[in-house]
Each structure stands twice: as C-alpha cells, then as structure tokens.
C-alpha cells in the first residue's frame, strides 16, 4: 500500500457533475465517432471503440445513439469531422494542467481555453510544459465498503496490478496500461463494483492548495470540464475535502 492521489476522486465527482448537466452524452458521442473513424466500427478489433462503448453503456446511453455515432465515424452516416487536440498550461499555485479533447473548430477551442485559464488565475503554456508531470496508468477506483480490502488487493495483484493505494474514502488500483484490460476483467469476473475505470494520466506528485487558490483551481477544472470540446482534464493538485464538496 502507498499514499493515494485525491485527483482520482476529484475526477469521479466532477464526472458525476457533468452527467447531471447533460454534458456527458455529447462527449461520449464524439469519442465513439472518432474511435470508429480511426480504428473501424468493430469493437472486437478496436480497443479504443470498445472502451468508448463500455463508457457509453455505463452512462445508460441508448443503443441507437451508440450505433449512430459509430456509423458517423465509419462514414455510413453523414457527420461532423472532429480533430483531436492536447493543450498544456498552468493553474493557480503553479499546478500543471493537461487538457485533451475533440473539436470541429480548433480556433474556437483555443480561444475558449485561453479565456478560461486567464479568468481563473492560470495560463496556457508551450507543448511539453505539463506532460512530463504525469505518468500513463490504468486506474480503477473502488469506494470503501464496496469490497473487502484483502480480497481487493489479492485479486488486483494476482491479475497484474502494480499497486493499490488507500485514500480516505476509496481504493485506487494502479495498473500498467498494457495490463489494464486483464485486471479489469478479473474484477468484472469477481463481480467487484468500481466507480471509475480507465487508462488515464496520474500526477507524479501533487501541489497542495488551500484558500483562494484552491477555489480558483476547482473553478477552473469545472469550467474546462463544462466544455463540450474537452474530454479529459489532468492536474497535479490536492485540495481540502470541503472545497471538493462545495464544488459539487
């Protein structure tokens, strides 16, 4: 066991907020379309599409919506052409931020990002300024009480996970990206219920924020994730629980 990153629980809570606001379907449809365009419409031979379909089903997206988005990606139906992007910058207190997503108008997206960063005490940076602060890992998060700790650790390590990190309210299982599907399947086969599961970016270290800077940073995260163009926001910060709760 080792120390945990609160960013996992922040991302989960913010994801729930997005769903409540009706934003999540738009983002999932974009991802389904691009995944199908890049790797074909068969999920068995397209891991990215398979992951997108699972995410869509987890949010109870109707099958017709999923199929239509895939067909737009493969060209069977007419649809919008989306371009992938990644931008990096800094938030209040020097927090490193990496943002990626899909857009049909890159100039519009850049202008919106710059405005959001400037308004909340941050700034866009040069390519590479933030990416080095993160490591690519599979991450599966369980709420405490949902599964016995000893069983969780046993299944995780037997399936090839790297580590199980304990937080105040959750367990985070860290996995080499190449072994993510195998570990996830091991949990699924056991019937373990998790609240978050995907390959993501984990901060190598975190910056603790309090007071105004913590509030500014959470507000910046909310603004960025509220954009239909942005799929993921990664940031290496930690804030008091009361600030997270206030943002929700």
Protein backbone atom coordinates (compact mmCIF):
# COMPACT_ATOMS: atom_id res chain seq x y z
CA UNK A 1 0.00 0.00 0.00
CA UNK A 2 1.13 3.56 -0.55
CA UNK A 3 -0.23 7.08 -0.41
CA UNK A 4 -3.09 7.99 -2.73
CA UNK A 5 -3.86 10.76 -5.21
CA UNK A 6 -7.06 12.65 -4.44
CA UNK A 7 -7.25 13.61 -8.11
CA UNK A 8 -8.93 10.26 -8.82
CA UNK A 9 -11.84 11.08 -6.52
CA UNK A 10 -11.99 14.66 -7.80
CA UNK A 11 -12.27 13.38 -11.38
CA UNK A 12 -15.01 10.95 -10.36
CA UNK A 13 -17.05 13.63 -8.59
CA UNK A 14 -16.63 16.07 -11.43
CA UNK A 15 -17.68 13.35 -13.87
CA UNK A 16 -20.90 12.92 -11.93
CA UNK A 17 -21.48 16.68 -12.12
CA UNK A 18 -21.02 16.63 -15.90
CA UNK A 19 -23.56 13.83 -16.21
CA UNK A 20 -26.09 15.81 -14.19
CA UNK A 21 -25.67 18.70 -16.57
CA UNK A 22 -26.27 16.58 -19.64
CA UNK A 23 -22.76 17.10 -20.97
CA UNK A 24 -21.52 13.54 -20.87
CA UNK A 25 -23.53 12.23 -23.85
CA UNK A 26 -22.09 14.86 -26.16
CA UNK A 27 -18.54 13.94 -25.19
CA UNK A 28 -19.18 10.22 -25.47
CA UNK A 29 -20.71 10.59 -28.93
CA UNK A 30 -17.62 12.46 -30.12
CA UNK A 31 -15.33 9.77 -28.73
CA UNK A 32 -17.39 6.97 -30.31
CA UNK A 33 -17.30 8.74 -33.67
CA UNK A 34 -13.55 9.39 -33.65
CA UNK A 35 -12.72 5.91 -32.34
CA UNK A 36 -14.74 4.34 -35.15
CA UNK A 37 -13.20 6.64 -37.75
CA UNK A 38 -9.66 5.81 -36.67
CA UNK A 39 -9.96 2.08 -35.97
CA UNK A 40 -13.12 0.87 -37.67
CA UNK A 41 -16.59 0.04 -36.40
CA UNK A 42 -15.87 -3.42 -34.97
CA UNK A 43 -15.18 -3.13 -31.22
CA UNK A 44 -13.56 -6.59 -31.14
CA UNK A 45 -10.72 -5.26 -33.27
CA UNK A 46 -10.76 -1.68 -31.98
CA UNK A 47 -9.83 -1.33 -28.27
CA UNK A 48 -10.50 2.39 -28.22
CA UNK A 49 -14.00 1.89 -29.58
CA UNK A 50 -14.61 -0.97 -27.16
CA UNK A 51 -13.69 1.30 -24.25
CA UNK A 52 -15.91 4.08 -25.59
CA UNK A 53 -18.87 1.72 -25.92
CA UNK A 54 -18.42 0.49 -22.35
CA UNK A 55 -18.27 4.11 -21.12
CA UNK A 56 -21.44 4.95 -23.06
CA UNK A 57 -23.28 1.93 -21.66
CA UNK A 58 -22.14 2.84 -18.14
CA UNK A 59 -23.93 6.18 -18.61
CA UNK A 60 -27.05 4.41 -19.92
CA UNK A 61 -26.74 5.81 -23.42
CA UNK A 62 -29.39 4.24 -25.71
CA UNK A 63 -28.07 1.64 -28.15
CA UNK A 64 -29.43 3.63 -31.12
CA UNK A 65 -27.31 6.63 -30.10
CA UNK A 66 -24.21 4.45 -29.83
CA UNK A 67 -24.81 2.79 -33.20
CA UNK A 68 -25.49 6.13 -34.90
CA UNK A 69 -22.28 7.66 -33.55
CA UNK A 70 -20.26 4.66 -34.76
CA UNK A 71 -21.84 4.82 -38.22
CA UNK A 72 -20.97 8.50 -38.46
CA UNK A 73 -17.38 7.57 -37.69
CA UNK A 74 -17.21 4.83 -40.30
CA UNK A 75 -18.88 7.05 -42.91
CA UNK A 76 -22.12 5.08 -43.14
CA UNK A 77 -23.93 8.19 -41.96
CA UNK A 78 -23.03 11.83 -42.59
CA UNK A 79 -21.47 13.50 -39.58
CA UNK A 80 -19.16 16.23 -38.30
CA UNK A 81 -15.39 15.75 -38.64
CA UNK A 82 -13.67 16.10 -35.26
CA UNK A 83 -9.98 16.79 -34.67
CA UNK A 84 -8.14 15.59 -31.56
CA UNK A 85 -6.15 18.10 -29.51
CA UNK A 86 -3.96 18.33 -26.41
CA UNK A 87 -3.06 21.60 -24.69
CA UNK A 88 -0.94 22.24 -21.63
CA UNK A 89 -0.71 25.04 -19.13
CA UNK A 90 -0.55 26.10 -15.51
CA UNK A 91 -3.19 26.86 -12.91
CA UNK A 92 -3.12 28.78 -9.61
CA UNK A 93 -0.12 27.92 -7.45
CA UNK A 94 1.84 26.53 -10.41
CA UNK A 95 -0.39 23.46 -10.87
CA UNK A 96 0.43 21.60 -14.09
CA UNK A 97 -2.63 21.08 -16.31
CA UNK A 98 -3.06 18.94 -19.41
CA UNK A 99 -6.29 19.10 -21.41
CA UNK A 100 -7.34 16.89 -24.30
CA UNK A 101 -10.47 16.56 -26.36
CA UNK A 102 -12.17 16.67 -29.75
CA UNK A 103 -13.28 19.72 -31.69
CA UNK A 104 -14.71 20.72 -35.05
CA UNK A 105 -13.21 24.22 -34.71
CA UNK A 106 -9.72 24.42 -33.21
CA UNK A 107 -9.57 28.23 -33.27
CA UNK A 108 -12.74 28.44 -31.19
CA UNK A 109 -11.45 25.87 -28.72
CA UNK A 110 -8.09 27.62 -28.23
CA UNK A 111 -9.83 30.95 -27.64
CA UNK A 112 -12.15 29.37 -25.04
CA UNK A 113 -9.24 27.66 -23.29
CA UNK A 114 -7.18 30.83 -23.12
CA UNK A 115 -10.13 32.75 -21.66
CA UNK A 116 -10.79 30.03 -19.06
CA UNK A 117 -7.15 29.86 -17.93
CA UNK A 118 -6.77 33.66 -17.76
CA UNK A 119 -10.03 34.11 -15.86
CA UNK A 120 -9.09 31.61 -13.15
CA UNK A 121 -5.51 32.61 -12.45
CA UNK A 122 -3.77 30.28 -14.91
CA UNK A 123 -2.18 30.44 -18.34
CA UNK A 124 -1.74 28.24 -21.40
CA UNK A 125 1.83 27.05 -21.86
CA UNK A 126 4.13 25.65 -24.53
CA UNK A 127 3.82 21.99 -25.63
CA UNK A 128 5.61 19.76 -23.15
CA UNK A 129 5.41 22.11 -20.18
CA UNK A 130 2.99 19.88 -18.25
CA UNK A 131 3.05 16.43 -19.83
CA UNK A 132 6.27 15.45 -18.05
CA UNK A 133 4.44 15.80 -14.71
CA UNK A 134 2.19 12.79 -15.42
CA UNK A 135 2.50 9.06 -16.00
CA UNK A 136 0.12 6.97 -18.10
CA UNK A 137 -1.56 4.33 -15.94
CA UNK A 138 -4.66 2.22 -15.78
CA UNK A 139 -6.77 3.35 -12.83
CA UNK A 140 -9.70 1.54 -11.20
CA UNK A 141 -11.30 3.20 -8.17
CA UNK A 142 -13.46 1.46 -5.56
CA UNK A 143 -15.44 3.10 -2.80
CA UNK A 144 -14.51 1.84 0.65
CA UNK A 145 -17.07 -0.65 1.86
CA UNK A 146 -17.94 -1.82 -1.65
CA UNK A 147 -15.41 -4.65 -1.46
CA UNK A 148 -13.24 -6.24 1.23
CA UNK A 149 -9.77 -4.74 1.26
CA UNK A 150 -7.90 -8.05 1.47
CA UNK A 151 -9.86 -9.56 -1.41
CA UNK A 152 -9.39 -6.42 -3.49
CA UNK A 153 -5.63 -6.47 -3.01
CA UNK A 154 -5.41 -10.22 -3.67
CA UNK A 155 -7.35 -10.06 -6.95
CA UNK A 156 -5.58 -6.89 -8.08
CA UNK A 157 -2.05 -8.18 -7.56
CA UNK A 158 -2.80 -11.67 -8.87
CA UNK A 159 -4.17 -10.10 -12.07
CA UNK A 160 -1.04 -7.98 -12.57
CA UNK A 161 -1.83 -4.60 -10.97
CA UNK A 162 1.15 -2.52 -9.85
CA UNK A 163 -0.25 -1.08 -6.63
CA UNK A 164 -3.35 -0.49 -4.51
CA UNK A 165 -3.48 2.96 -2.92
CA UNK A 166 -5.73 3.73 0.05
CA UNK A 167 -7.48 7.07 0.37
CA UNK A 168 -9.93 8.45 2.89
CA UNK A 169 -12.97 7.15 1.05
CA UNK A 170 -11.65 4.99 -1.76
CA UNK A 171 -9.08 2.47 -3.01
CA UNK A 172 -7.20 3.24 -6.23
CA UNK A 173 -5.75 0.34 -8.21
CA UNK A 174 -2.84 1.40 -10.44
CA UNK A 175 -2.08 -0.74 -13.48
CA UNK A 176 0.39 -0.83 -16.37
CA UNK A 177 -1.71 0.28 -19.39
CA UNK A 178 -0.87 -2.95 -21.26
CA UNK A 179 -2.43 -4.99 -18.41
CA UNK A 180 -5.46 -2.80 -17.79
CA UNK A 181 -7.97 -4.97 -19.68
CA UNK A 182 -6.79 -8.12 -17.87
CA UNK A 183 -7.07 -6.55 -14.41
CA UNK A 184 -10.45 -5.00 -15.21
CA UNK A 185 -11.72 -8.39 -16.44
CA UNK A 186 -10.53 -10.03 -13.20
CA UNK A 187 -12.61 -7.54 -11.20
CA UNK A 188 -15.60 -7.97 -13.52
CA UNK A 189 -15.41 -11.76 -13.23
CA UNK A 190 -15.50 -11.44 -9.42
CA UNK A 191 -18.44 -9.04 -9.58
CA UNK A 192 -16.49 -6.21 -7.94
CA UNK A 193 -18.23 -2.87 -8.49
CA UNK A 194 -15.96 0.13 -9.17
CA UNK A 195 -16.80 3.80 -9.68
CA UNK A 196 -14.03 4.67 -12.13
CA UNK A 197 -12.04 2.53 -14.55
CA UNK A 198 -9.92 3.61 -17.49
CA UNK A 199 -6.40 4.28 -18.72
CA UNK A 200 -5.59 7.81 -17.62
CA UNK A 201 -2.76 10.14 -16.59
CA UNK A 202 -1.66 10.11 -12.95
CA UNK A 203 0.33 13.02 -11.46
CA UNK A 204 3.81 12.05 -10.32
CA UNK A 205 3.44 14.47 -7.41
CA UNK A 206 0.80 16.92 -6.23
CA UNK A 207 0.69 20.55 -5.15
CA UNK A 208 -1.43 21.23 -2.07
CA UNK A 209 -3.74 24.22 -2.49
CA UNK A 210 -5.82 25.99 0.12
CA UNK A 211 -7.97 29.10 0.37
CA UNK A 212 -8.46 31.24 -2.72
CA UNK A 213 -6.05 29.24 -4.90
CA UNK A 214 -7.90 26.00 -4.12
CA UNK A 215 -11.23 27.61 -5.02
CA UNK A 216 -9.76 29.10 -8.22
CA UNK A 217 -8.34 25.74 -9.26
CA UNK A 218 -11.60 23.86 -8.69
CA UNK A 219 -13.46 26.58 -10.58
CA UNK A 220 -11.00 26.25 -13.48
CA UNK A 221 -11.50 22.46 -13.56
CA UNK A 222 -15.27 22.92 -13.57
CA UNK A 223 -15.10 25.46 -16.40
CA UNK A 224 -12.84 23.25 -18.52
CA UNK A 225 -14.87 20.09 -17.99
CA UNK A 226 -18.07 22.00 -18.76
CA UNK A 227 -16.84 22.46 -22.35
CA UNK A 228 -18.29 20.04 -24.89
CA UNK A 229 -14.91 20.01 -26.65
CA UNK A 230 -12.89 18.78 -23.66
CA UNK A 231 -12.76 15.06 -22.91
CA UNK A 232 -10.27 14.99 -20.03
CA UNK A 233 -8.58 17.40 -17.64
CA UNK A 234 -5.46 16.27 -15.77
CA UNK A 235 -3.90 18.36 -12.99
CA UNK A 236 -1.39 17.67 -10.21
CA UNK A 237 -3.13 19.31 -7.26
CA UNK A 238 -4.70 18.37 -3.94
CA UNK A 239 -7.32 20.41 -2.05
CA UNK A 240 -9.25 20.05 1.23
CA UNK A 241 -12.36 17.85 1.04
CA UNK A 242 -14.63 20.77 1.87
CA UNK A 243 -13.54 22.56 -1.31
CA UNK A 244 -14.41 19.49 -3.40
CA UNK A 245 -17.80 19.16 -1.71
CA UNK A 246 -18.53 22.86 -2.25
CA UNK A 247 -17.83 22.43 -5.98
CA UNK A 248 -20.46 19.70 -6.19
